[in-house]
Amino acid sequence: MHTPTDEQANAVDAFRAGHHLVLQAGAGTGKTSTLSLLAASTLSRGRYLAFNKDIARDATTRFPRTVVCKTAHATAYAAVGHRYASRLNSPRQPAWKTGRALGITRPVRIGDHEISPRTLSHTVLRTLTRYCYSADRTLTRHHVPHLRGLSTSGGHAQLAHEVLPFALKAWADLHNPDRGAVRFEHDHYLKMWALTEPRIEADFLFLDEAQDTNPVLEEVFNAQRHHAQLVMVGDSAQAIYGWRGAQDVMTGFDATALTLTRSFRFGPLIAEEANRWLTLADAPIRLTGTETIPTEVGDLDCPDAVLCRTNIGAMAEVMRLLSAGHRVALTRGKQQLAALALAARDLKGGRRTSHPELVLFNSWGELQDYAAHDPAGRDVQPFADLIDTHGPDAILAAVDQLTDEQQADVTVSTAHTAKGREWPTVKIADDFPPPKDTDQHDAQGRPVPEPVNDTDARLAYVAVTRARHQLDLGGLSWINTHPTALSVA
């Protein structure tokens, strides 16, 4: 362990003084090392709430034994979720089948629109998801999502009137531990746990990756304020899960605000790249690189990792690298991809599949519909697009050629999946498009592009800060000539 920086020493002092803390920790700034310094500075008992299982497992080896390291879901499972073990991971089924079991059997007329049982069923499940992500105690009309094309407030009120009774019925269905019509998800027992107003027995609580916290967990965490010292840690600029209901809860947290800005991952040149995106994302910190770490920004022929914006981009990159003769690894399991591709081949061939998650689909068209419209099918959408683009056989052939990261020449990952990871050399893939041009022109007659939106800037920041020694901007090179970036350089 290196000598603590002034920023880390300040954090330890503030923690020992008993303050609640919010710690903005930039990429590679020793966030976990800092938390372990805090934990080691006291004999008190602590809990560390991690973002995922891998982070929790790693933290267990780095924190003193006085700290219990678990995910929020594991904590909720131990308290409530275990009662529903037999319903978890049941086969997926199209929303209309769930809806039919709940009693949605006929269309509803709203103004000029006929809302089909299928659409009503999708809307009921989306309502449930929105409720589970929220901090609200009761399921009400405001959890009903707006439907495209049903824009009037009267139309939406009528939709909510139709949907809410079925959403309440679905929520009641989920409380049966043995059987039910609605597929039971991990977020369901997390919500049930939150509603019990749990008291987490600890003297202090660390909430990691706080920028990606759902309101439901934020409320549970905040409710411990009266008996435990709270430390929220994360990086607002890495808030890249807004589409999943997460929101950056760090900026409004009532606590002593501290920062970690010295990155131990890379030198000044990559810190400069990071700061361009941090400025565009209107982030609260800027990074300083470590002078003794040699870094370059420039072209790379053989990077250790290629980072893509989308799953589709990642698979396309895999196929390109394989055809060029490289040994390639993909960060998310190849076995899972192969099993799904085999299931897709069956469904496209008019056969039912025995894949446990897809066993209830009759056809590929039914799965496409589920992926496009059902909230529970969002994670299947990239896979459906991939199959539609390349076909199952090409995917299976590519999967057969994938290797483990230890043996690979190059690892392919999405920027989302790469979060928390780092490699010596990183290239950014070509699927990060520049902002579109507006109708305006500059003094030279060139079209003026739209500003870089903060969502794209945050994802780019995550991507460029995965490199330790060399970064090839690749698909983000447009930043070098973008007017808003030039104005902040």
Protein backbone atom coordinates (compact mmCIF):
# COMPACT_ATOMS: atom_id res chain seq x y z
CA MET A 1 0.00 0.00 0.00
CA HIS A 2 1.39 3.39 -1.02
CA THR A 3 1.47 6.32 1.43
CA PRO A 4 -2.03 7.79 1.62
CA THR A 5 -2.52 10.99 -0.39
CA ASP A 6 -3.66 14.17 1.35
CA GLU A 7 -7.16 13.50 0.00
CA GLN A 8 -7.19 9.97 1.47
CA ALA A 9 -5.83 11.23 4.80
CA ASN A 10 -8.59 13.89 4.90
CA ALA A 11 -11.19 11.18 4.32
CA VAL A 12 -9.82 9.10 7.21
CA ASP A 13 -9.83 12.16 9.52
CA ALA A 14 -13.43 13.06 8.58
CA PHE A 15 -14.52 9.44 9.07
CA ARG A 16 -12.86 9.18 12.48
CA ALA A 17 -14.57 12.44 13.47
CA GLY A 18 -17.89 10.64 12.92
CA HIS A 19 -19.16 12.64 9.92
CA HIS A 20 -21.45 11.19 7.27
CA LEU A 21 -19.39 11.35 4.05
CA VAL A 22 -20.00 11.58 0.32
CA LEU A 23 -16.82 10.72 -1.54
CA GLN A 24 -16.52 11.61 -5.24
CA ALA A 25 -13.83 9.18 -6.45
CA GLY A 26 -12.60 9.52 -10.05
CA ALA A 27 -11.43 6.62 -12.22
CA GLY A 28 -8.45 4.78 -10.71
CA THR A 29 -8.22 7.04 -7.63
CA GLY A 30 -7.99 4.18 -5.12
CA LYS A 31 -11.63 4.14 -4.02
CA THR A 32 -11.54 0.63 -2.48
CA SER A 33 -8.12 1.28 -0.91
CA THR A 34 -9.52 4.45 0.66
CA LEU A 35 -12.57 2.61 2.04
CA SER A 36 -10.31 -0.09 3.50
CA LEU A 37 -8.24 2.70 5.16
CA LEU A 38 -11.45 4.04 6.72
CA ALA A 39 -12.51 0.57 7.90
CA ALA A 40 -9.04 -0.12 9.34
CA SER A 41 -9.08 3.17 11.29
CA THR A 42 -11.81 1.92 13.67
CA LEU A 43 -12.77 -1.18 15.67
CA SER A 44 -16.45 -0.53 14.89
CA ARG A 45 -18.51 -3.04 12.91
CA GLY A 46 -19.34 -2.09 9.34
CA ARG A 47 -21.32 -3.17 6.28
CA TYR A 48 -20.17 -2.62 2.71
CA LEU A 49 -22.97 -2.63 0.11
CA ALA A 50 -21.41 -3.52 -3.24
CA PHE A 51 -22.80 -2.98 -6.74
CA ASN A 52 -22.34 -6.61 -7.85
CA LYS A 53 -21.18 -10.00 -6.58
CA ASP A 54 -17.67 -9.76 -8.07
CA ILE A 55 -17.00 -6.44 -6.31
CA ALA A 56 -18.37 -7.84 -3.02
CA ARG A 57 -16.13 -10.93 -3.30
CA ASP A 58 -13.04 -8.81 -4.03
CA ALA A 59 -13.84 -6.43 -1.15
CA THR A 60 -14.04 -9.36 1.30
CA THR A 61 -10.32 -9.99 0.71
CA ARG A 62 -9.40 -6.31 1.19
CA PHE A 63 -11.48 -5.20 4.18
CA PRO A 64 -10.88 -6.13 7.84
CA ARG A 65 -13.07 -8.91 9.26
CA THR A 66 -15.11 -6.31 11.14
CA VAL A 67 -16.76 -5.40 7.80
CA VAL A 68 -19.41 -7.60 6.11
CA CYS A 69 -19.28 -7.20 2.31
CA LYS A 70 -22.46 -8.03 0.35
CA THR A 71 -24.60 -6.73 -2.47
CA ALA A 72 -27.88 -5.03 -1.57
CA HIS A 73 -29.71 -7.90 -3.28
CA ALA A 74 -27.84 -10.52 -1.20
CA THR A 75 -28.77 -8.57 1.95
CA ALA A 76 -32.42 -8.45 0.84
CA TYR A 77 -32.37 -12.13 -0.18
CA ALA A 78 -31.17 -13.22 3.27
CA ALA A 79 -33.95 -11.22 4.92
CA VAL A 80 -36.88 -11.74 2.52
CA GLY A 81 -35.94 -13.17 -0.88
CA HIS A 82 -35.12 -16.72 0.28
CA ARG A 83 -38.85 -17.28 0.86
CA TYR A 84 -39.39 -16.93 -2.89
CA ALA A 85 -36.47 -19.14 -3.98
CA SER A 86 -38.75 -21.61 -5.79
CA ARG A 87 -40.21 -18.81 -7.96
CA LEU A 88 -36.92 -17.12 -8.90
CA ASN A 89 -35.48 -17.93 -12.35
CA SER A 90 -38.70 -19.50 -13.59
CA PRO A 91 -38.95 -19.70 -17.39
CA ARG A 92 -39.51 -16.45 -19.25
CA GLN A 93 -42.85 -16.08 -20.93
CA PRO A 94 -44.37 -13.43 -23.20
CA ALA A 95 -46.15 -10.64 -21.32
CA TRP A 96 -49.50 -11.41 -22.97
CA LYS A 97 -49.51 -14.85 -21.32
CA THR A 98 -48.84 -13.24 -17.94
CA GLY A 99 -51.55 -10.68 -18.72
CA ARG A 100 -54.05 -13.37 -19.68
CA ALA A 101 -53.40 -15.17 -16.38
CA LEU A 102 -54.08 -11.86 -14.59
CA GLY A 103 -57.37 -11.47 -16.46
CA ILE A 104 -56.39 -9.17 -19.35
CA THR A 105 -58.48 -10.71 -22.14
CA ARG A 106 -59.92 -7.90 -24.24
CA PRO A 107 -58.77 -4.62 -25.80
CA VAL A 108 -59.56 -1.21 -24.29
CA ARG A 109 -60.73 1.80 -26.31
CA ILE A 110 -59.06 5.12 -25.42
CA GLY A 111 -60.02 7.98 -27.78
CA ASP A 112 -59.05 6.93 -31.32
CA HIS A 113 -56.81 4.13 -30.04
CA GLU A 114 -57.58 0.52 -29.38
CA ILE A 115 -55.12 -0.73 -26.75
CA SER A 116 -54.60 -4.46 -27.31
CA PRO A 117 -54.39 -7.01 -24.46
CA ARG A 118 -50.72 -7.46 -25.43
CA THR A 119 -49.94 -3.74 -24.98
CA LEU A 120 -51.92 -3.62 -21.73
CA SER A 121 -49.96 -6.61 -20.42
CA HIS A 122 -46.61 -4.96 -21.31
CA THR A 123 -47.74 -1.75 -19.61
CA VAL A 124 -48.75 -3.60 -16.43
CA LEU A 125 -45.29 -5.19 -16.14
CA ARG A 126 -43.53 -1.89 -16.86
CA THR A 127 -45.66 -0.27 -14.14
CA LEU A 128 -44.46 -2.92 -11.70
CA THR A 129 -40.81 -2.34 -12.65
CA ARG A 130 -41.12 1.43 -12.16
CA TYR A 131 -42.70 0.88 -8.74
CA CYS A 132 -39.94 -1.53 -7.67
CA TYR A 133 -37.20 0.96 -8.61
CA SER A 134 -38.95 3.81 -6.78
CA ALA A 135 -38.88 4.68 -3.08
CA ASP A 136 -42.70 4.84 -3.01
CA ARG A 137 -44.57 2.76 -0.43
CA THR A 138 -47.68 2.21 -2.53
CA LEU A 139 -48.25 1.33 -6.18
CA THR A 140 -50.27 4.20 -7.71
CA ARG A 141 -51.24 5.69 -11.05
CA HIS A 142 -48.03 7.71 -11.42
CA HIS A 143 -46.07 4.47 -11.86
CA VAL A 144 -47.98 3.75 -15.08
CA PRO A 145 -45.65 4.68 -17.97
CA HIS A 146 -46.77 6.91 -20.83
CA LEU A 147 -47.52 5.15 -24.11
CA ARG A 148 -46.23 6.53 -27.39
CA GLY A 149 -49.11 8.06 -29.36
CA LEU A 150 -51.31 8.45 -26.30
CA SER A 151 -50.16 11.95 -25.52
CA THR A 152 -53.16 13.71 -23.92
CA SER A 153 -53.35 13.81 -20.14
CA GLY A 154 -56.94 12.53 -20.32
CA GLY A 155 -55.82 9.58 -22.45
CA HIS A 156 -53.03 8.73 -20.02
CA ALA A 157 -55.39 9.02 -17.04
CA GLN A 158 -57.74 6.55 -18.70
CA LEU A 159 -54.84 4.18 -19.43
CA ALA A 160 -53.72 4.40 -15.76
CA HIS A 161 -57.31 3.68 -14.67
CA GLU A 162 -57.29 0.48 -16.76
CA VAL A 163 -53.76 -0.64 -15.90
CA LEU A 164 -53.56 0.01 -12.15
CA PRO A 165 -55.97 -2.76 -10.97
CA PHE A 166 -53.98 -5.35 -12.95
CA ALA A 167 -50.66 -3.97 -11.66
CA LEU A 168 -51.96 -4.28 -8.08
CA LYS A 169 -53.12 -7.83 -8.86
CA ALA A 170 -49.64 -8.63 -10.27
CA TRP A 171 -47.95 -7.26 -7.13
CA ALA A 172 -50.25 -9.36 -4.96
CA ASP A 173 -49.47 -12.40 -7.16
CA LEU A 174 -45.74 -11.94 -6.48
CA HIS A 175 -46.31 -12.30 -2.74
CA ASN A 176 -47.24 -15.98 -3.08
CA PRO A 177 -43.97 -17.80 -2.31
CA ASP A 178 -44.95 -21.05 -4.06
CA ARG A 179 -46.59 -20.22 -7.39
CA GLY A 180 -47.91 -17.36 -9.47
CA ALA A 181 -48.55 -15.95 -12.92
CA VAL A 182 -45.86 -13.24 -12.88
CA ARG A 183 -42.19 -14.12 -13.36
CA PHE A 184 -40.45 -13.37 -10.04
CA GLU A 185 -37.35 -11.13 -10.41
CA HIS A 186 -34.57 -10.14 -7.98
CA ASP A 187 -35.84 -6.55 -7.90
CA HIS A 188 -39.17 -7.80 -6.54
CA TYR A 189 -37.76 -9.13 -3.27
CA LEU A 190 -35.48 -6.06 -2.98
CA LYS A 191 -38.62 -3.89 -3.01
CA MET A 192 -40.40 -6.18 -0.54
CA TRP A 193 -37.39 -5.92 1.79
CA ALA A 194 -37.29 -2.12 1.48
CA LEU A 195 -40.98 -1.94 2.41
CA THR A 196 -40.23 -3.67 5.74
CA GLU A 197 -38.17 -0.55 6.63
CA PRO A 198 -35.16 -2.73 7.51
CA ARG A 199 -32.63 -1.73 10.12
CA ILE A 200 -29.14 -2.76 8.98
CA GLU A 201 -27.20 -3.67 12.11
CA ALA A 202 -23.84 -1.91 11.79
CA ASP A 203 -21.94 1.03 13.25
CA PHE A 204 -21.09 2.32 9.78
CA LEU A 205 -22.31 1.65 6.24
CA PHE A 206 -20.38 2.04 2.97
CA LEU A 207 -22.48 2.36 -0.21
CA ASP A 208 -20.28 1.74 -3.26
CA GLU A 209 -21.03 2.83 -6.86
CA ALA A 210 -23.54 5.23 -5.32
CA GLN A 211 -24.00 7.03 -8.65
CA ASP A 212 -25.90 3.97 -9.94
CA THR A 213 -28.25 3.54 -6.99
CA ASN A 214 -32.00 3.15 -7.45
CA PRO A 215 -34.24 5.35 -5.26
CA VAL A 216 -35.50 2.20 -3.47
CA LEU A 217 -32.00 1.45 -2.12
CA GLU A 218 -31.17 5.11 -1.52
CA GLU A 219 -34.11 5.31 0.88
CA VAL A 220 -33.06 2.17 2.79
CA PHE A 221 -29.51 3.53 3.07
CA ASN A 222 -30.63 6.99 4.24
CA ALA A 223 -32.96 5.46 6.82
CA GLN A 224 -29.91 4.07 8.71
CA ARG A 225 -28.64 7.62 9.37
CA HIS A 226 -29.85 7.72 12.98
CA HIS A 227 -27.94 4.67 14.20
CA ALA A 228 -25.04 4.28 11.73
CA GLN A 229 -22.40 6.51 10.15
CA LEU A 230 -23.03 6.65 6.39
CA VAL A 231 -20.35 6.81 3.68
CA MET A 232 -21.51 7.11 0.09
CA VAL A 233 -18.78 6.62 -2.51
CA GLY A 234 -18.79 6.72 -6.29
CA ASP A 235 -18.18 8.85 -9.34
CA SER A 236 -21.08 10.99 -10.61
CA ALA A 237 -19.45 11.03 -14.04
CA GLN A 238 -19.77 7.23 -14.22
CA ALA A 239 -23.57 7.30 -13.79
CA ILE A 240 -24.37 5.22 -16.89
CA TYR A 241 -27.37 3.17 -15.77
CA GLY A 242 -30.10 5.83 -15.90
CA TRP A 243 -32.06 3.68 -18.39
CA ARG A 244 -32.37 1.06 -15.65
CA GLY A 245 -33.98 3.41 -13.12
CA ALA A 246 -30.69 4.35 -11.42
CA GLN A 247 -30.11 7.98 -10.55
CA ASP A 248 -27.10 9.84 -9.23
CA VAL A 249 -28.01 10.19 -5.56
CA MET A 250 -24.60 11.57 -4.57
CA THR A 251 -25.16 15.20 -5.46
CA GLY A 252 -28.13 15.61 -3.09
CA PHE A 253 -26.79 13.55 -0.16
CA ASP A 254 -26.60 15.51 3.12
CA ALA A 255 -23.01 14.81 4.20
CA THR A 256 -19.46 16.14 4.24
CA ALA A 257 -18.36 16.20 0.58
CA LEU A 258 -14.81 15.04 -0.22
CA THR A 259 -12.99 14.11 -3.44
CA LEU A 260 -10.36 11.65 -4.69
CA THR A 261 -8.80 13.10 -7.85
CA ARG A 262 -5.29 11.58 -8.11
CA SER A 263 -5.50 8.57 -10.44
CA PHE A 264 -3.05 5.73 -9.76
CA ARG A 265 -4.13 3.99 -12.97
CA PHE A 266 -2.58 6.24 -15.62
CA GLY A 267 -0.34 9.23 -16.31
CA PRO A 268 -1.19 12.85 -17.22
CA LEU A 269 -2.01 12.29 -20.94
CA ILE A 270 -4.91 9.93 -20.25
CA ALA A 271 -6.02 12.16 -17.35
CA GLU A 272 -6.24 15.01 -19.91
CA GLU A 273 -8.47 12.88 -22.15
CA ALA A 274 -10.65 12.01 -19.15
CA ASN A 275 -10.94 15.68 -18.21
CA ARG A 276 -12.26 16.60 -21.68
CA TRP A 277 -15.20 14.25 -21.15
CA LEU A 278 -15.61 15.24 -17.47
CA THR A 279 -16.00 18.86 -18.58
CA LEU A 280 -18.57 17.91 -21.24
CA ALA A 281 -20.45 15.83 -18.64
CA ASP A 282 -20.45 18.83 -16.27
CA ALA A 283 -18.89 16.57 -13.63
CA PRO A 284 -17.86 17.81 -10.16
CA ILE A 285 -14.23 16.61 -10.41
CA ARG A 286 -11.17 16.74 -12.69
CA LEU A 287 -8.40 14.11 -12.55
CA THR A 288 -4.66 14.34 -12.08
CA GLY A 289 -2.54 11.54 -13.55
CA THR A 290 0.45 9.95 -11.80
CA GLU A 291 3.61 11.41 -13.39
CA THR A 292 5.64 8.21 -12.97
CA ILE A 293 3.22 6.08 -15.05
CA PRO A 294 4.24 6.20 -18.75
CA THR A 295 1.19 6.83 -20.96
CA GLU A 296 0.52 7.57 -24.62
CA VAL A 297 -2.51 8.52 -26.65
CA GLY A 298 -2.22 7.32 -30.25
CA ASP A 299 -2.88 4.55 -32.77
CA LEU A 300 -2.74 0.93 -31.61
CA ASP A 301 -2.47 -2.08 -33.92
CA CYS A 302 -2.76 -4.75 -31.22
CA PRO A 303 -4.61 -3.41 -28.14
CA ASP A 304 -5.23 -5.55 -25.06
CA ALA A 305 -8.90 -4.53 -25.12
CA VAL A 306 -11.38 -3.07 -27.60
CA LEU A 307 -14.32 -1.27 -25.98
CA CYS A 308 -17.64 -0.93 -27.78
CA ARG A 309 -20.77 1.12 -27.12
CA THR A 310 -23.24 -1.72 -27.74
CA ASN A 311 -23.48 -5.51 -27.53
CA ILE A 312 -24.07 -5.58 -31.26
CA GLY A 313 -20.88 -3.57 -31.80
CA ALA A 314 -19.00 -5.98 -29.53
CA MET A 315 -20.11 -9.05 -31.48
CA ALA A 316 -19.31 -7.35 -34.80
CA GLU A 317 -15.85 -6.49 -33.41
CA VAL A 318 -15.37 -10.12 -32.28
CA MET A 319 -16.18 -11.36 -35.79
CA ARG A 320 -13.83 -8.82 -37.40
CA LEU A 321 -10.93 -9.72 -35.08
CA LEU A 322 -11.48 -13.48 -35.50
CA SER A 323 -11.45 -13.17 -39.28
CA ALA A 324 -8.12 -11.29 -38.96
CA GLY A 325 -6.67 -14.32 -37.13
CA HIS A 326 -6.60 -13.00 -33.55
CA ARG A 327 -7.35 -15.02 -30.43
CA VAL A 328 -10.34 -13.18 -28.97
CA ALA A 329 -12.09 -13.12 -25.58
CA LEU A 330 -15.50 -11.60 -24.87
CA THR A 331 -16.07 -10.25 -21.34
CA ARG A 332 -19.55 -11.72 -20.91
CA GLY A 333 -19.89 -15.51 -20.99
CA LYS A 334 -19.55 -17.23 -24.33
CA GLN A 335 -21.43 -20.35 -23.10
CA GLN A 336 -24.48 -18.24 -22.42
CA LEU A 337 -24.28 -16.73 -25.91
CA ALA A 338 -23.92 -20.18 -27.51
CA ALA A 339 -26.93 -21.62 -25.62
CA LEU A 340 -29.03 -18.64 -26.68
CA ALA A 341 -27.87 -18.92 -30.32
CA LEU A 342 -28.86 -22.62 -30.37
CA ALA A 343 -32.27 -21.68 -28.91
CA ALA A 344 -32.63 -18.98 -31.60
CA ARG A 345 -31.79 -21.52 -34.32
CA ASP A 346 -34.59 -23.78 -33.04
CA LEU A 347 -37.12 -20.95 -32.83
CA LYS A 348 -36.21 -19.62 -36.28
CA GLY A 349 -36.57 -23.15 -37.64
CA GLY A 350 -40.13 -23.36 -36.29
CA ARG A 351 -39.18 -25.66 -33.40
CA ARG A 352 -39.70 -25.14 -29.67
CA THR A 353 -36.50 -24.83 -27.64
CA SER A 354 -35.55 -26.55 -24.39
CA HIS A 355 -33.53 -23.48 -23.23
CA PRO A 356 -34.85 -22.94 -19.67
CA GLU A 357 -35.32 -19.19 -20.16
CA LEU A 358 -36.93 -19.39 -23.61
CA VAL A 359 -38.89 -22.62 -23.31
CA LEU A 360 -42.28 -20.88 -23.36
CA PHE A 361 -41.80 -19.06 -26.71
CA ASN A 362 -43.47 -20.66 -29.73
CA SER A 363 -41.55 -18.78 -32.42
CA TRP A 364 -38.74 -16.33 -33.11
CA GLY A 365 -41.35 -13.65 -33.86
CA GLU A 366 -42.80 -14.09 -30.38
CA LEU A 367 -39.35 -13.62 -28.82
CA GLN A 368 -38.68 -10.53 -30.99
CA ASP A 369 -41.94 -9.03 -29.77
CA TYR A 370 -41.04 -9.84 -26.14
CA ALA A 371 -37.58 -8.25 -26.56
CA ALA A 372 -38.95 -5.10 -28.19
CA HIS A 373 -41.93 -4.41 -25.93
CA ASP A 374 -41.71 -6.26 -22.63
CA PRO A 375 -39.81 -4.57 -19.76
CA ALA A 376 -38.48 -7.95 -18.61
CA GLY A 377 -37.17 -8.55 -22.14
CA ARG A 378 -34.90 -5.51 -22.30
CA ASP A 379 -31.81 -7.63 -21.63
CA VAL A 380 -32.79 -9.94 -24.53
CA GLN A 381 -33.04 -7.09 -27.08
CA PRO A 382 -29.30 -6.90 -27.98
CA PHE A 383 -29.27 -10.68 -28.45
CA ALA A 384 -32.35 -10.56 -30.72
CA ASP A 385 -30.73 -7.78 -32.79
CA LEU A 386 -27.51 -9.79 -33.01
CA ILE A 387 -29.30 -12.89 -34.32
CA ASP A 388 -31.30 -10.81 -36.80
CA THR A 389 -28.07 -9.18 -38.07
CA HIS A 390 -25.75 -12.21 -38.35
CA GLY A 391 -27.89 -15.34 -38.00
CA PRO A 392 -27.43 -18.04 -35.33
CA ASP A 393 -24.90 -20.12 -37.30
CA ALA A 394 -22.44 -17.24 -37.71
CA ILE A 395 -22.74 -16.46 -33.99
CA LEU A 396 -22.15 -20.13 -33.04
CA ALA A 397 -19.11 -20.31 -35.33
CA ALA A 398 -17.69 -17.15 -33.71
CA VAL A 399 -18.42 -18.38 -30.16
CA ASP A 400 -16.59 -21.64 -30.91
CA GLN A 401 -13.49 -19.63 -31.70
CA LEU A 402 -13.56 -17.45 -28.55
CA THR A 403 -10.95 -18.07 -25.87
CA ASP A 404 -10.41 -17.13 -22.22
CA GLU A 405 -8.96 -13.71 -21.41
CA GLN A 406 -5.73 -15.28 -20.11
CA GLN A 407 -5.04 -16.89 -23.51
CA ALA A 408 -6.46 -14.13 -25.73
CA ASP A 409 -4.55 -11.60 -27.83
CA VAL A 410 -7.40 -9.12 -27.35
CA THR A 411 -10.48 -8.81 -25.10
CA VAL A 412 -13.67 -7.29 -26.49
CA SER A 413 -16.11 -5.62 -24.10
CA THR A 414 -18.86 -3.02 -24.02
CA ALA A 415 -17.99 0.13 -22.09
CA HIS A 416 -20.79 -0.73 -19.62
CA THR A 417 -19.31 -4.17 -18.91
CA ALA A 418 -15.78 -2.73 -18.73
CA LYS A 419 -16.73 -0.51 -15.81
CA GLY A 420 -14.46 -1.35 -12.88
CA ARG A 421 -11.92 -3.03 -15.21
CA GLU A 422 -8.59 -1.81 -16.63
CA TRP A 423 -6.07 -2.96 -19.29
CA PRO A 424 -2.54 -1.82 -20.26
CA THR A 425 -3.65 -0.76 -23.77
CA VAL A 426 -7.18 0.07 -24.92
CA LYS A 427 -8.74 0.93 -28.29
CA ILE A 428 -12.19 2.52 -28.61
CA ALA A 429 -14.35 0.77 -31.24
CA ASP A 430 -16.06 2.51 -34.14
CA ASP A 431 -19.63 2.40 -32.78
CA PHE A 432 -19.41 5.66 -30.79
CA PRO A 433 -21.03 8.07 -33.27
CA PRO A 434 -20.35 11.82 -33.21
CA PRO A 435 -23.26 14.18 -32.46
CA LYS A 436 -25.49 14.87 -35.49
CA ASP A 437 -25.14 18.09 -37.47
CA THR A 438 -27.63 20.89 -36.88
CA ASP A 439 -29.09 23.16 -39.60
CA GLN A 440 -26.62 25.92 -38.64
CA HIS A 441 -23.24 26.61 -40.24
CA ASP A 442 -20.04 28.21 -38.97
CA ALA A 443 -18.12 31.10 -40.58
CA GLN A 444 -16.44 28.66 -43.02
CA GLY A 445 -19.82 27.26 -44.08
CA ARG A 446 -19.38 23.94 -42.28
CA PRO A 447 -22.43 22.46 -40.49
CA VAL A 448 -22.38 22.97 -36.73
CA PRO A 449 -22.88 19.69 -34.81
CA GLU A 450 -25.14 19.31 -31.79
CA PRO A 451 -23.42 19.57 -28.39
CA VAL A 452 -22.15 16.34 -26.84
CA ASN A 453 -24.90 15.12 -24.50
CA ASP A 454 -23.87 14.28 -20.96
CA THR A 455 -24.97 10.61 -21.21
CA ASP A 456 -22.57 10.06 -24.13
CA ALA A 457 -19.84 12.05 -22.37
CA ARG A 458 -20.11 9.86 -19.25
CA LEU A 459 -19.92 6.63 -21.25
CA ALA A 460 -16.90 7.97 -23.16
CA TYR A 461 -15.24 8.94 -19.84
CA VAL A 462 -15.71 5.38 -18.56
CA ALA A 463 -14.25 3.99 -21.80
CA VAL A 464 -11.12 6.16 -22.02
CA THR A 465 -10.24 5.65 -18.34
CA ARG A 466 -9.94 1.85 -18.69
CA ALA A 467 -6.43 2.28 -20.20
CA ARG A 468 -3.30 2.26 -18.04
CA HIS A 469 -0.51 2.92 -20.55
CA GLN A 470 -1.84 3.54 -24.05
CA LEU A 471 -5.18 4.73 -25.40
CA ASP A 472 -6.32 4.72 -29.02
CA LEU A 473 -9.33 7.06 -29.25
CA GLY A 474 -10.56 5.24 -32.38
CA GLY A 475 -14.31 5.79 -32.64
CA LEU A 476 -14.15 8.78 -30.28
CA SER A 477 -11.51 10.63 -32.34
CA TRP A 478 -14.21 13.03 -33.57
CA ILE A 479 -13.80 14.78 -30.20
CA ASN A 480 -10.55 16.31 -31.54
CA THR A 481 -12.48 18.48 -34.02
CA HIS A 482 -15.80 18.93 -32.22
CA PRO A 483 -16.42 22.66 -31.51
CA THR A 484 -17.78 22.28 -27.95
CA ALA A 485 -14.83 20.06 -27.02
CA LEU A 486 -12.38 22.55 -28.52
CA SER A 487 -13.94 25.33 -26.47
CA VAL A 488 -13.33 23.42 -23.22
CA ALA A 489 -9.90 22.07 -24.08
